[in-house]
Amino acid sequence: MLAVRVTPRAARERIEGLAADAGGHVALKLAVTAPPEDGKANAAIVKLLAKALKLPKSALSVTAGAADRRKTILLAGDPGRLTAALRDWIAGTGRRAA
């Protein structure tokens, strides 16, 4: 499970880094160019994360917050590989992938 915070209708699609909310919860901050209507932003999120993590789009799904800026994404796959990919991205090596 991955917590994300999304900015729809952004100038470009990108993973912006980690962000904490007022309650202290940390989420991966994403920006997508798609509008938040008819599931377009959610599809763009899945596509962006799948590319960055080198996963098929079918391995990701929005499980909570479909109509909210804060979402929970379920990542399916080898937990060790997913953890390593996220850790690499957080450390800065994955920024080139997005």
C-alpha atoms as a PDB file:
ATOM      1  CA  MET A   1       0.000   0.000   0.000  1.00  0.00           C
ATOM      2  CA  LEU A   2       1.280   3.405  -0.980  1.00  0.00           C
ATOM      3  CA  ALA A   3      -0.188   6.709   0.197  1.00  0.00           C
ATOM      4  CA  VAL A   4      -0.144   9.442  -2.438  1.00  0.00           C
ATOM      5  CA  ARG A   5      -1.233  13.062  -2.666  1.00  0.00           C
ATOM      6  CA  VAL A   6      -2.163  14.183  -6.168  1.00  0.00           C
ATOM      7  CA  THR A   7      -2.213  17.508  -7.961  1.00  0.00           C
ATOM      8  CA  PRO A   8      -4.365  17.147 -11.094  1.00  0.00           C
ATOM      9  CA  ARG A   9      -4.180  19.508 -14.103  1.00  0.00           C
ATOM     10  CA  ALA A  10      -0.482  20.146 -13.492  1.00  0.00           C
ATOM     11  CA  ALA A  11       1.803  21.562 -16.183  1.00  0.00           C
ATOM     12  CA  ARG A  12       3.643  18.228 -16.430  1.00  0.00           C
ATOM     13  CA  GLU A  13       3.502  14.769 -14.937  1.00  0.00           C
ATOM     14  CA  ARG A  14       6.043  14.071 -12.242  1.00  0.00           C
ATOM     15  CA  ILE A  15       6.741  12.531  -8.881  1.00  0.00           C
ATOM     16  CA  GLU A  16       7.571  15.453  -6.623  1.00  0.00           C
ATOM     17  CA  GLY A  17       8.803  13.656  -3.512  1.00  0.00           C
ATOM     18  CA  LEU A  18       7.501  12.987  -0.047  1.00  0.00           C
ATOM     19  CA  ALA A  19       5.123  15.342   1.757  1.00  0.00           C
ATOM     20  CA  ALA A  20       3.705  15.334   5.268  1.00  0.00           C
ATOM     21  CA  ASP A  21       0.195  16.551   6.014  1.00  0.00           C
ATOM     22  CA  ALA A  22      -0.972  18.422   9.126  1.00  0.00           C
ATOM     23  CA  GLY A  23      -1.619  15.112  10.890  1.00  0.00           C
ATOM     24  CA  GLY A  24       1.958  13.942  10.316  1.00  0.00           C
ATOM     25  CA  HIS A  25       1.096  11.317   7.699  1.00  0.00           C
ATOM     26  CA  VAL A  26       3.643  11.027   4.891  1.00  0.00           C
ATOM     27  CA  ALA A  27       2.601  10.499   1.280  1.00  0.00           C
ATOM     28  CA  LEU A  28       4.264  10.440  -2.102  1.00  0.00           C
ATOM     29  CA  LYS A  29       3.382  13.703  -3.861  1.00  0.00           C
ATOM     30  CA  LEU A  30       2.406  13.330  -7.536  1.00  0.00           C
ATOM     31  CA  ALA A  31       1.432  15.767 -10.270  1.00  0.00           C
ATOM     32  CA  VAL A  32      -0.546  14.680 -13.350  1.00  0.00           C
ATOM     33  CA  THR A  33      -1.813  16.666 -16.322  1.00  0.00           C
ATOM     34  CA  ALA A  34      -5.148  14.848 -16.450  1.00  0.00           C
ATOM     35  CA  PRO A  35      -8.277  16.475 -14.996  1.00  0.00           C
ATOM     36  CA  PRO A  36      -9.932  14.943 -11.922  1.00  0.00           C
ATOM     37  CA  GLU A  37     -12.982  13.703 -13.812  1.00  0.00           C
ATOM     38  CA  ASP A  38     -14.181  10.346 -15.085  1.00  0.00           C
ATOM     39  CA  GLY A  39     -11.177   8.569 -13.540  1.00  0.00           C
ATOM     40  CA  LYS A  40      -8.706  10.300 -15.868  1.00  0.00           C
ATOM     41  CA  ALA A  41      -6.414  11.499 -13.059  1.00  0.00           C
ATOM     42  CA  ASN A  42      -6.473   8.065 -11.418  1.00  0.00           C
ATOM     43  CA  ALA A  43      -5.470   6.418 -14.698  1.00  0.00           C
ATOM     44  CA  ALA A  44      -2.636   8.930 -15.095  1.00  0.00           C
ATOM     45  CA  ILE A  45      -1.428   8.163 -11.557  1.00  0.00           C
ATOM     46  CA  VAL A  46      -1.345   4.447 -12.281  1.00  0.00           C
ATOM     47  CA  LYS A  47       0.527   5.032 -15.540  1.00  0.00           C
ATOM     48  CA  LEU A  48       3.075   7.363 -13.904  1.00  0.00           C
ATOM     49  CA  LEU A  49       3.789   5.046 -10.978  1.00  0.00           C
ATOM     50  CA  ALA A  50       3.913   1.939 -13.166  1.00  0.00           C
ATOM     51  CA  LYS A  51       6.535   3.571 -15.367  1.00  0.00           C
ATOM     52  CA  ALA A  52       8.574   4.848 -12.417  1.00  0.00           C
ATOM     53  CA  LEU A  53       8.508   1.488 -10.609  1.00  0.00           C
ATOM     54  CA  LYS A  54       8.866  -0.578 -13.804  1.00  0.00           C
ATOM     55  CA  LEU A  55       5.627  -2.460 -13.156  1.00  0.00           C
ATOM     56  CA  PRO A  56       2.735  -3.320 -15.457  1.00  0.00           C
ATOM     57  CA  LYS A  57      -0.243  -0.988 -14.984  1.00  0.00           C
ATOM     58  CA  SER A  58      -2.269  -4.030 -13.951  1.00  0.00           C
ATOM     59  CA  ALA A  59      -0.066  -4.320 -10.825  1.00  0.00           C
ATOM     60  CA  LEU A  60      -1.411  -1.021  -9.443  1.00  0.00           C
ATOM     61  CA  SER A  61      -4.892  -0.060  -8.343  1.00  0.00           C
ATOM     62  CA  VAL A  62      -6.483   2.821  -6.462  1.00  0.00           C
ATOM     63  CA  THR A  63      -8.028   1.232  -3.363  1.00  0.00           C
ATOM     64  CA  ALA A  64      -9.066   4.346  -1.436  1.00  0.00           C
ATOM     65  CA  GLY A  65      -9.677   7.989  -2.264  1.00  0.00           C
ATOM     66  CA  ALA A  66     -10.752   7.599  -5.883  1.00  0.00           C
ATOM     67  CA  ALA A  67     -12.432  11.031  -5.766  1.00  0.00           C
ATOM     68  CA  ASP A  68      -9.975  12.651  -3.334  1.00  0.00           C
ATOM     69  CA  ARG A  69      -6.527  14.225  -3.679  1.00  0.00           C
ATOM     70  CA  ARG A  70      -5.258  11.745  -1.083  1.00  0.00           C
ATOM     71  CA  LYS A  71      -5.316   8.175  -2.328  1.00  0.00           C
ATOM     72  CA  THR A  72      -4.109   4.739  -1.376  1.00  0.00           C
ATOM     73  CA  ILE A  73      -2.517   2.709  -4.157  1.00  0.00           C
ATOM     74  CA  LEU A  74      -2.175  -1.061  -3.919  1.00  0.00           C
ATOM     75  CA  LEU A  75       1.046  -2.320  -5.489  1.00  0.00           C
ATOM     76  CA  ALA A  76       1.039  -5.989  -6.443  1.00  0.00           C
ATOM     77  CA  GLY A  77       4.302  -7.842  -6.856  1.00  0.00           C
ATOM     78  CA  ASP A  78       7.366  -9.017  -5.026  1.00  0.00           C
ATOM     79  CA  PRO A  79       7.487  -7.017  -1.752  1.00  0.00           C
ATOM     80  CA  GLY A  80      11.293  -7.004  -1.682  1.00  0.00           C
ATOM     81  CA  ARG A  81      11.563  -5.619  -5.204  1.00  0.00           C
ATOM     82  CA  LEU A  82       8.827  -3.032  -4.610  1.00  0.00           C
ATOM     83  CA  THR A  83      10.444  -1.894  -1.373  1.00  0.00           C
ATOM     84  CA  ALA A  84      13.839  -1.601  -3.082  1.00  0.00           C
ATOM     85  CA  ALA A  85      12.344   0.380  -5.985  1.00  0.00           C
ATOM     86  CA  LEU A  86      10.603   2.798  -3.621  1.00  0.00           C
ATOM     87  CA  ARG A  87      13.691   3.106  -1.430  1.00  0.00           C
ATOM     88  CA  ASP A  88      15.824   3.891  -4.510  1.00  0.00           C
ATOM     89  CA  TRP A  89      13.353   6.510  -5.635  1.00  0.00           C
ATOM     90  CA  ILE A  90      13.251   8.139  -2.189  1.00  0.00           C
ATOM     91  CA  ALA A  91      17.060   8.166  -2.092  1.00  0.00           C
ATOM     92  CA  GLY A  92      17.045  10.095  -5.368  1.00  0.00           C
ATOM     93  CA  THR A  93      18.117   7.441  -7.848  1.00  0.00           C
ATOM     94  CA  GLY A  94      14.582   6.816  -9.081  1.00  0.00           C
ATOM     95  CA  ARG A  95      13.850  10.439 -10.032  1.00  0.00           C
ATOM     96  CA  ARG A  96      15.228   9.807 -13.509  1.00  0.00           C
ATOM     97  CA  ALA A  97      12.590   7.105 -14.054  1.00  0.00           C
ATOM     98  CA  ALA A  98       9.589   9.391 -13.697  1.00  0.00           C
END
